[in-house]
Amino acid sequence: MYYIYILKSEINGKYYIGSTNNIEDRIKRHNTGQSKYTSKYKPWKLIYSETYQNRSEACKRELEIKKYKGGIQFKNLLGL
């Protein structure tokens, strides 16, 4: 299984969109500073995820959501 996920920084409210095959481990790595971009904005909270059968589908959806970022579609996705 593969996942796309959206994290929100509890420090400044920034969002991070990613994909992985191990969501628990990936979030842990974001929150322990093992990811270069997200280390300065930790802690991160998982606010959204979707599950896919393969990496290709997950990556396609990740790119689609990244195009939404900051717009009405992104807010609708998160229920804001």
PDB file of N, CA and C in Angstrom:
ATOM      1  N   MET A   1       0.831  -1.180   0.000  1.00  0.00           N
ATOM      2  CA  MET A   1       0.000   0.000   0.000  1.00  0.00           C
ATOM      3  C   MET A   1       0.880   1.249   0.000  1.00  0.00           C
ATOM      4  N   TYR A   2       0.399   2.267  -0.655  1.00  0.00           N
ATOM      5  CA  TYR A   2       1.069   3.563  -0.687  1.00  0.00           C
ATOM      6  C   TYR A   2       0.089   4.632  -0.217  1.00  0.00           C
ATOM      7  N   TYR A   3       0.628   5.668   0.335  1.00  0.00           N
ATOM      8  CA  TYR A   3      -0.193   6.723   0.923  1.00  0.00           C
ATOM      9  C   TYR A   3       0.262   8.084   0.417  1.00  0.00           C
ATOM     10  N   ILE A   4      -0.699   8.978   0.244  1.00  0.00           N
ATOM     11  CA  ILE A   4      -0.363  10.397   0.141  1.00  0.00           C
ATOM     12  C   ILE A   4      -0.828  10.973   1.471  1.00  0.00           C
ATOM     13  N   TYR A   5      -0.133  11.987   1.915  1.00  0.00           N
ATOM     14  CA  TYR A   5      -0.466  12.558   3.213  1.00  0.00           C
ATOM     15  C   TYR A   5      -0.230  14.053   3.212  1.00  0.00           C
ATOM     16  N   ILE A   6      -0.955  14.717   4.089  1.00  0.00           N
ATOM     17  CA  ILE A   6      -0.757  16.150   4.286  1.00  0.00           C
ATOM     18  C   ILE A   6      -0.480  16.361   5.767  1.00  0.00           C
ATOM     19  N   LEU A   7       0.626  17.034   6.025  1.00  0.00           N
ATOM     20  CA  LEU A   7       1.005  17.386   7.382  1.00  0.00           C
ATOM     21  C   LEU A   7       0.822  18.886   7.560  1.00  0.00           C
ATOM     22  N   LYS A   8       0.573  19.283   8.794  1.00  0.00           N
ATOM     23  CA  LYS A   8       0.495  20.702   9.117  1.00  0.00           C
ATOM     24  C   LYS A   8       1.460  20.986  10.256  1.00  0.00           C
ATOM     25  N   SER A   9       2.277  22.017  10.085  1.00  0.00           N
ATOM     26  CA  SER A   9       3.223  22.406  11.124  1.00  0.00           C
ATOM     27  C   SER A   9       2.460  23.022  12.294  1.00  0.00           C
ATOM     28  N   GLU A  10       2.755  22.542  13.488  1.00  0.00           N
ATOM     29  CA  GLU A  10       2.115  23.099  14.675  1.00  0.00           C
ATOM     30  C   GLU A  10       2.799  24.393  15.115  1.00  0.00           C
ATOM     31  N   ILE A  11       3.911  24.733  14.486  1.00  0.00           N
ATOM     32  CA  ILE A  11       4.645  25.959  14.791  1.00  0.00           C
ATOM     33  C   ILE A  11       4.096  27.154  14.008  1.00  0.00           C
ATOM     34  N   ASN A  12       3.962  26.966  12.682  1.00  0.00           N
ATOM     35  CA  ASN A  12       3.573  28.116  11.856  1.00  0.00           C
ATOM     36  C   ASN A  12       2.418  27.851  10.892  1.00  0.00           C
ATOM     37  N   GLY A  13       1.818  26.669  10.937  1.00  0.00           N
ATOM     38  CA  GLY A  13       0.661  26.373  10.097  1.00  0.00           C
ATOM     39  C   GLY A  13       0.975  26.026   8.656  1.00  0.00           C
ATOM     40  N   LYS A  14       2.252  25.864   8.297  1.00  0.00           N
ATOM     41  CA  LYS A  14       2.611  25.464   6.929  1.00  0.00           C
ATOM     42  C   LYS A  14       2.127  24.040   6.669  1.00  0.00           C
ATOM     43  N   TYR A  15       1.875  23.733   5.393  1.00  0.00           N
ATOM     44  CA  TYR A  15       1.458  22.401   4.983  1.00  0.00           C
ATOM     45  C   TYR A  15       2.591  21.716   4.236  1.00  0.00           C
ATOM     46  N   TYR A  16       2.626  20.392   4.357  1.00  0.00           N
ATOM     47  CA  TYR A  16       3.572  19.573   3.599  1.00  0.00           C
ATOM     48  C   TYR A  16       2.792  18.414   3.008  1.00  0.00           C
ATOM     49  N   ILE A  17       2.968  18.176   1.718  1.00  0.00           N
ATOM     50  CA  ILE A  17       2.291  17.092   1.011  1.00  0.00           C
ATOM     51  C   ILE A  17       3.341  16.095   0.563  1.00  0.00           C
ATOM     52  N   GLY A  18       3.121  14.817   0.869  1.00  0.00           N
ATOM     53  CA  GLY A  18       4.088  13.800   0.488  1.00  0.00           C
ATOM     54  C   GLY A  18       3.428  12.465   0.204  1.00  0.00           C
ATOM     55  N   SER A  19       4.247  11.485  -0.171  1.00  0.00           N
ATOM     56  CA  SER A  19       3.757  10.122  -0.391  1.00  0.00           C
ATOM     57  C   SER A  19       4.795   9.152   0.162  1.00  0.00           C
ATOM     58  N   THR A  20       4.323   7.976   0.551  1.00  0.00           N
ATOM     59  CA  THR A  20       5.187   6.984   1.181  1.00  0.00           C
ATOM     60  C   THR A  20       4.501   5.624   1.181  1.00  0.00           C
ATOM     61  N   ASN A  21       5.275   4.588   1.469  1.00  0.00           N
ATOM     62  CA  ASN A  21       4.672   3.263   1.655  1.00  0.00           C
ATOM     63  C   ASN A  21       4.630   2.887   3.144  1.00  0.00           C
ATOM     64  N   ASN A  22       5.121   3.772   4.007  1.00  0.00           N
ATOM     65  CA  ASN A  22       5.089   3.538   5.459  1.00  0.00           C
ATOM     66  C   ASN A  22       4.806   4.873   6.143  1.00  0.00           C
ATOM     67  N   ILE A  23       3.543   5.171   6.312  1.00  0.00           N
ATOM     68  CA  ILE A  23       3.150   6.497   6.778  1.00  0.00           C
ATOM     69  C   ILE A  23       3.596   6.777   8.219  1.00  0.00           C
ATOM     70  N   GLU A  24       3.539   5.775   9.083  1.00  0.00           N
ATOM     71  CA  GLU A  24       3.944   5.990  10.475  1.00  0.00           C
ATOM     72  C   GLU A  24       5.432   6.346  10.567  1.00  0.00           C
ATOM     73  N   ASP A  25       6.251   5.604   9.852  1.00  0.00           N
ATOM     74  CA  ASP A  25       7.691   5.866   9.863  1.00  0.00           C
ATOM     75  C   ASP A  25       8.007   7.226   9.248  1.00  0.00           C
ATOM     76  N   ARG A  26       7.318   7.555   8.180  1.00  0.00           N
ATOM     77  CA  ARG A  26       7.582   8.825   7.490  1.00  0.00           C
ATOM     78  C   ARG A  26       7.255  10.017   8.388  1.00  0.00           C
ATOM     79  N   ILE A  27       6.137   9.960   9.078  1.00  0.00           N
ATOM     80  CA  ILE A  27       5.770  11.054   9.985  1.00  0.00           C
ATOM     81  C   ILE A  27       6.787  11.156  11.119  1.00  0.00           C
ATOM     82  N   LYS A  28       7.226  10.013  11.615  1.00  0.00           N
ATOM     83  CA  LYS A  28       8.246  10.005  12.670  1.00  0.00           C
ATOM     84  C   LYS A  28       9.516  10.694  12.184  1.00  0.00           C
ATOM     85  N   ARG A  29       9.925  10.402  10.940  1.00  0.00           N
ATOM     86  CA  ARG A  29      11.138  11.018  10.391  1.00  0.00           C
ATOM     87  C   ARG A  29      10.970  12.533  10.214  1.00  0.00           C
ATOM     88  N   HIS A  30       9.773  12.955   9.839  1.00  0.00           N
ATOM     89  CA  HIS A  30       9.524  14.402   9.738  1.00  0.00           C
ATOM     90  C   HIS A  30       9.668  15.056  11.119  1.00  0.00           C
ATOM     91  N   ASN A  31       9.156  14.415  12.132  1.00  0.00           N
ATOM     92  CA  ASN A  31       9.137  15.009  13.471  1.00  0.00           C
ATOM     93  C   ASN A  31      10.438  14.846  14.253  1.00  0.00           C
ATOM     94  N   THR A  32      11.367  14.034  13.751  1.00  0.00           N
ATOM     95  CA  THR A  32      12.657  13.890  14.428  1.00  0.00           C
ATOM     96  C   THR A  32      13.765  14.622  13.670  1.00  0.00           C
ATOM     97  N   GLY A  33      13.385  15.400  12.663  1.00  0.00           N
ATOM     98  CA  GLY A  33      14.360  16.212  11.951  1.00  0.00           C
ATOM     99  C   GLY A  33      15.148  15.487  10.884  1.00  0.00           C
ATOM    100  N   GLN A  34      14.710  14.311  10.456  1.00  0.00           N
ATOM    101  CA  GLN A  34      15.442  13.539   9.448  1.00  0.00           C
ATOM    102  C   GLN A  34      15.079  13.928   8.016  1.00  0.00           C
ATOM    103  N   SER A  35      14.175  14.872   7.874  1.00  0.00           N
ATOM    104  CA  SER A  35      13.801  15.373   6.556  1.00  0.00           C
ATOM    105  C   SER A  35      14.233  16.834   6.490  1.00  0.00           C
ATOM    106  N   LYS A  36      15.065  17.167   5.517  1.00  0.00           N
ATOM    107  CA  LYS A  36      15.692  18.491   5.455  1.00  0.00           C
ATOM    108  C   LYS A  36      14.683  19.643   5.467  1.00  0.00           C
ATOM    109  N   TYR A  37      13.695  19.602   4.586  1.00  0.00           N
ATOM    110  CA  TYR A  37      12.741  20.708   4.490  1.00  0.00           C
ATOM    111  C   TYR A  37      11.883  20.850   5.742  1.00  0.00           C
ATOM    112  N   THR A  38      11.400  19.741   6.265  1.00  0.00           N
ATOM    113  CA  THR A  38      10.433  19.818   7.360  1.00  0.00           C
ATOM    114  C   THR A  38      11.071  19.959   8.734  1.00  0.00           C
ATOM    115  N   SER A  39      12.365  19.764   8.850  1.00  0.00           N
ATOM    116  CA  SER A  39      13.005  19.785  10.174  1.00  0.00           C
ATOM    117  C   SER A  39      12.855  21.124  10.884  1.00  0.00           C
ATOM    118  N   LYS A  40      12.841  22.211  10.157  1.00  0.00           N
ATOM    119  CA  LYS A  40      12.769  23.520  10.813  1.00  0.00           C
ATOM    120  C   LYS A  40      11.353  23.938  11.206  1.00  0.00           C
ATOM    121  N   TYR A  41      10.357  23.168  10.802  1.00  0.00           N
ATOM    122  CA  TYR A  41       8.968  23.526  11.113  1.00  0.00           C
ATOM    123  C   TYR A  41       8.267  22.501  12.007  1.00  0.00           C
ATOM    124  N   LYS A  42       9.017  21.611  12.616  1.00  0.00           N
ATOM    125  CA  LYS A  42       8.406  20.573  13.456  1.00  0.00           C
ATOM    126  C   LYS A  42       7.927  21.156  14.776  1.00  0.00           C
ATOM    127  N   PRO A  43       6.974  20.572  15.426  1.00  0.00           N
ATOM    128  CA  PRO A  43       6.351  19.278  15.117  1.00  0.00           C
ATOM    129  C   PRO A  43       5.271  19.390  14.033  1.00  0.00           C
ATOM    130  N   TRP A  44       5.067  18.256  13.375  1.00  0.00           N
ATOM    131  CA  TRP A  44       4.078  18.124  12.312  1.00  0.00           C
ATOM    132  C   TRP A  44       2.945  17.232  12.775  1.00  0.00           C
ATOM    133  N   LYS A  45       1.746  17.552  12.311  1.00  0.00           N
ATOM    134  CA  LYS A  45       0.568  16.752  12.638  1.00  0.00           C
ATOM    135  C   LYS A  45      -0.062  16.263  11.336  1.00  0.00           C
ATOM    136  N   LEU A  46      -0.376  14.978  11.281  1.00  0.00           N
ATOM    137  CA  LEU A  46      -1.055  14.415  10.120  1.00  0.00           C
ATOM    138  C   LEU A  46      -2.497  14.918  10.121  1.00  0.00           C
ATOM    139  N   ILE A  47      -2.899  15.576   9.025  1.00  0.00           N
ATOM    140  CA  ILE A  47      -4.265  16.088   8.962  1.00  0.00           C
ATOM    141  C   ILE A  47      -5.084  15.450   7.842  1.00  0.00           C
ATOM    142  N   TYR A  48      -4.413  14.700   6.930  1.00  0.00           N
ATOM    143  CA  TYR A  48      -5.140  14.090   5.822  1.00  0.00           C
ATOM    144  C   TYR A  48      -4.298  12.990   5.203  1.00  0.00           C
ATOM    145  N   SER A  49      -4.952  11.918   4.764  1.00  0.00           N
ATOM    146  CA  SER A  49      -4.246  10.866   4.026  1.00  0.00           C
ATOM    147  C   SER A  49      -5.212  10.115   3.124  1.00  0.00           C
ATOM    148  N   GLU A  50      -4.662   9.512   2.092  1.00  0.00           N
ATOM    149  CA  GLU A  50      -5.394   8.642   1.178  1.00  0.00           C
ATOM    150  C   GLU A  50      -4.528   7.424   0.906  1.00  0.00           C
ATOM    151  N   THR A  51      -5.151   6.294   0.617  1.00  0.00           N
ATOM    152  CA  THR A  51      -4.448   5.035   0.389  1.00  0.00           C
ATOM    153  C   THR A  51      -4.579   4.612  -1.070  1.00  0.00           C
ATOM    154  N   TYR A  52      -3.481   4.085  -1.621  1.00  0.00           N
ATOM    155  CA  TYR A  52      -3.449   3.630  -3.012  1.00  0.00           C
ATOM    156  C   TYR A  52      -2.779   2.262  -3.108  1.00  0.00           C
ATOM    157  N   GLN A  53      -3.106   1.539  -4.161  1.00  0.00           N
ATOM    158  CA  GLN A  53      -2.573   0.192  -4.365  1.00  0.00           C
ATOM    159  C   GLN A  53      -1.120   0.193  -4.822  1.00  0.00           C
ATOM    160  N   ASN A  54      -0.708   1.253  -5.525  1.00  0.00           N
ATOM    161  CA  ASN A  54       0.666   1.266  -6.031  1.00  0.00           C
ATOM    162  C   ASN A  54       1.251   2.670  -5.984  1.00  0.00           C
ATOM    163  N   ARG A  55       2.549   2.718  -6.146  1.00  0.00           N
ATOM    164  CA  ARG A  55       3.285   3.982  -6.039  1.00  0.00           C
ATOM    165  C   ARG A  55       2.893   4.958  -7.144  1.00  0.00           C
ATOM    166  N   SER A  56       2.683   4.447  -8.324  1.00  0.00           N
ATOM    167  CA  SER A  56       2.330   5.290  -9.462  1.00  0.00           C
ATOM    168  C   SER A  56       1.060   6.086  -9.197  1.00  0.00           C
ATOM    169  N   GLU A  57       0.026   5.424  -8.703  1.00  0.00           N
ATOM    170  CA  GLU A  57      -1.234   6.106  -8.399  1.00  0.00           C
ATOM    171  C   GLU A  57      -1.043   7.145  -7.300  1.00  0.00           C
ATOM    172  N   ALA A  58      -0.286   6.787  -6.271  1.00  0.00           N
ATOM    173  CA  ALA A  58      -0.046   7.705  -5.160  1.00  0.00           C
ATOM    174  C   ALA A  58       0.716   8.948  -5.628  1.00  0.00           C
ATOM    175  N   CYS A  59       1.729   8.758  -6.448  1.00  0.00           N
ATOM    176  CA  CYS A  59       2.517   9.902  -6.942  1.00  0.00           C
ATOM    177  C   CYS A  59       1.674  10.816  -7.827  1.00  0.00           C
ATOM    178  N   LYS A  60       0.830  10.217  -8.648  1.00  0.00           N
ATOM    179  CA  LYS A  60      -0.049  11.009  -9.508  1.00  0.00           C
ATOM    180  C   LYS A  60      -0.983  11.868  -8.661  1.00  0.00           C
ATOM    181  N   ARG A  61      -1.543  11.282  -7.623  1.00  0.00           N
ATOM    182  CA  ARG A  61      -2.451  12.027  -6.746  1.00  0.00           C
ATOM    183  C   ARG A  61      -1.697  13.096  -5.947  1.00  0.00           C
ATOM    184  N   GLU A  62      -0.489  12.776  -5.507  1.00  0.00           N
ATOM    185  CA  GLU A  62       0.322  13.748  -4.775  1.00  0.00           C
ATOM    186  C   GLU A  62       0.542  15.003  -5.624  1.00  0.00           C
ATOM    187  N   LEU A  63       0.899  14.829  -6.884  1.00  0.00           N
ATOM    188  CA  LEU A  63       1.117  15.964  -7.769  1.00  0.00           C
ATOM    189  C   LEU A  63      -0.171  16.756  -7.983  1.00  0.00           C
ATOM    190  N   GLU A  64      -1.289  16.048  -8.089  1.00  0.00           N
ATOM    191  CA  GLU A  64      -2.577  16.713  -8.258  1.00  0.00           C
ATOM    192  C   GLU A  64      -2.888  17.599  -7.049  1.00  0.00           C
ATOM    193  N   ILE A  65      -2.678  17.070  -5.855  1.00  0.00           N
ATOM    194  CA  ILE A  65      -2.953  17.838  -4.638  1.00  0.00           C
ATOM    195  C   ILE A  65      -1.992  19.016  -4.511  1.00  0.00           C
ATOM    196  N   LYS A  66      -0.742  18.834  -4.899  1.00  0.00           N
ATOM    197  CA  LYS A  66       0.218  19.938  -4.843  1.00  0.00           C
ATOM    198  C   LYS A  66      -0.215  21.098  -5.738  1.00  0.00           C
ATOM    199  N   LYS A  67      -0.884  20.797  -6.827  1.00  0.00           N
ATOM    200  CA  LYS A  67      -1.407  21.856  -7.695  1.00  0.00           C
ATOM    201  C   LYS A  67      -2.540  22.619  -7.009  1.00  0.00           C
ATOM    202  N   TYR A  68      -3.263  21.949  -6.099  1.00  0.00           N
ATOM    203  CA  TYR A  68      -4.361  22.583  -5.368  1.00  0.00           C
ATOM    204  C   TYR A  68      -3.868  23.538  -4.287  1.00  0.00           C
ATOM    205  N   LYS A  69      -2.663  23.299  -3.790  1.00  0.00           N
ATOM    206  CA  LYS A  69      -2.175  23.932  -2.574  1.00  0.00           C
ATOM    207  C   LYS A  69      -2.451  25.433  -2.537  1.00  0.00           C
ATOM    208  N   GLY A  70      -3.109  25.845  -1.459  1.00  0.00           N
ATOM    209  CA  GLY A  70      -3.410  27.247  -1.244  1.00  0.00           C
ATOM    210  C   GLY A  70      -4.701  27.715  -1.893  1.00  0.00           C
ATOM    211  N   GLY A  71      -5.288  26.895  -2.750  1.00  0.00           N
ATOM    212  CA  GLY A  71      -6.503  27.300  -3.444  1.00  0.00           C
ATOM    213  C   GLY A  71      -7.762  26.733  -2.815  1.00  0.00           C
ATOM    214  N   ILE A  72      -8.863  27.001  -3.457  1.00  0.00           N
ATOM    215  CA  ILE A  72     -10.171  26.549  -2.970  1.00  0.00           C
ATOM    216  C   ILE A  72     -10.250  25.030  -2.941  1.00  0.00           C
ATOM    217  N   GLN A  73      -9.708  24.351  -3.960  1.00  0.00           N
ATOM    218  CA  GLN A  73      -9.755  22.889  -3.979  1.00  0.00           C
ATOM    219  C   GLN A  73      -9.002  22.297  -2.792  1.00  0.00           C
ATOM    220  N   PHE A  74      -7.885  22.889  -2.432  1.00  0.00           N
ATOM    221  CA  PHE A  74      -7.097  22.421  -1.292  1.00  0.00           C
ATOM    222  C   PHE A  74      -7.896  22.592  -0.003  1.00  0.00           C
ATOM    223  N   LYS A  75      -8.523  23.740   0.162  1.00  0.00           N
ATOM    224  CA  LYS A  75      -9.345  23.992   1.350  1.00  0.00           C
ATOM    225  C   LYS A  75     -10.526  23.038   1.404  1.00  0.00           C
ATOM    226  N   ASN A  76     -11.152  22.780   0.269  1.00  0.00           N
ATOM    227  CA  ASN A  76     -12.264  21.835   0.226  1.00  0.00           C
ATOM    228  C   ASN A  76     -11.814  20.424   0.607  1.00  0.00           C
ATOM    229  N   LEU A  77     -10.663  20.025   0.106  1.00  0.00           N
ATOM    230  CA  LEU A  77     -10.115  18.701   0.420  1.00  0.00           C
ATOM    231  C   LEU A  77      -9.946  18.535   1.932  1.00  0.00           C
ATOM    232  N   LEU A  78      -9.462  19.584   2.584  1.00  0.00           N
ATOM    233  CA  LEU A  78      -9.212  19.525   4.021  1.00  0.00           C
ATOM    234  C   LEU A  78     -10.440  19.881   4.864  1.00  0.00           C
ATOM    235  N   GLY A  79     -11.505  20.275   4.195  1.00  0.00           N
ATOM    236  CA  GLY A  79     -12.718  20.641   4.925  1.00  0.00           C
ATOM    237  C   GLY A  79     -12.607  21.981   5.642  1.00  0.00           C
ATOM    238  N   LEU A  80     -11.851  22.895   5.066  1.00  0.00           N
ATOM    239  CA  LEU A  80     -11.660  24.220   5.679  1.00  0.00           C
ATOM    240  C   LEU A  80     -12.669  25.222   5.178  1.00  0.00           C
TER     241      LEU A  80
END
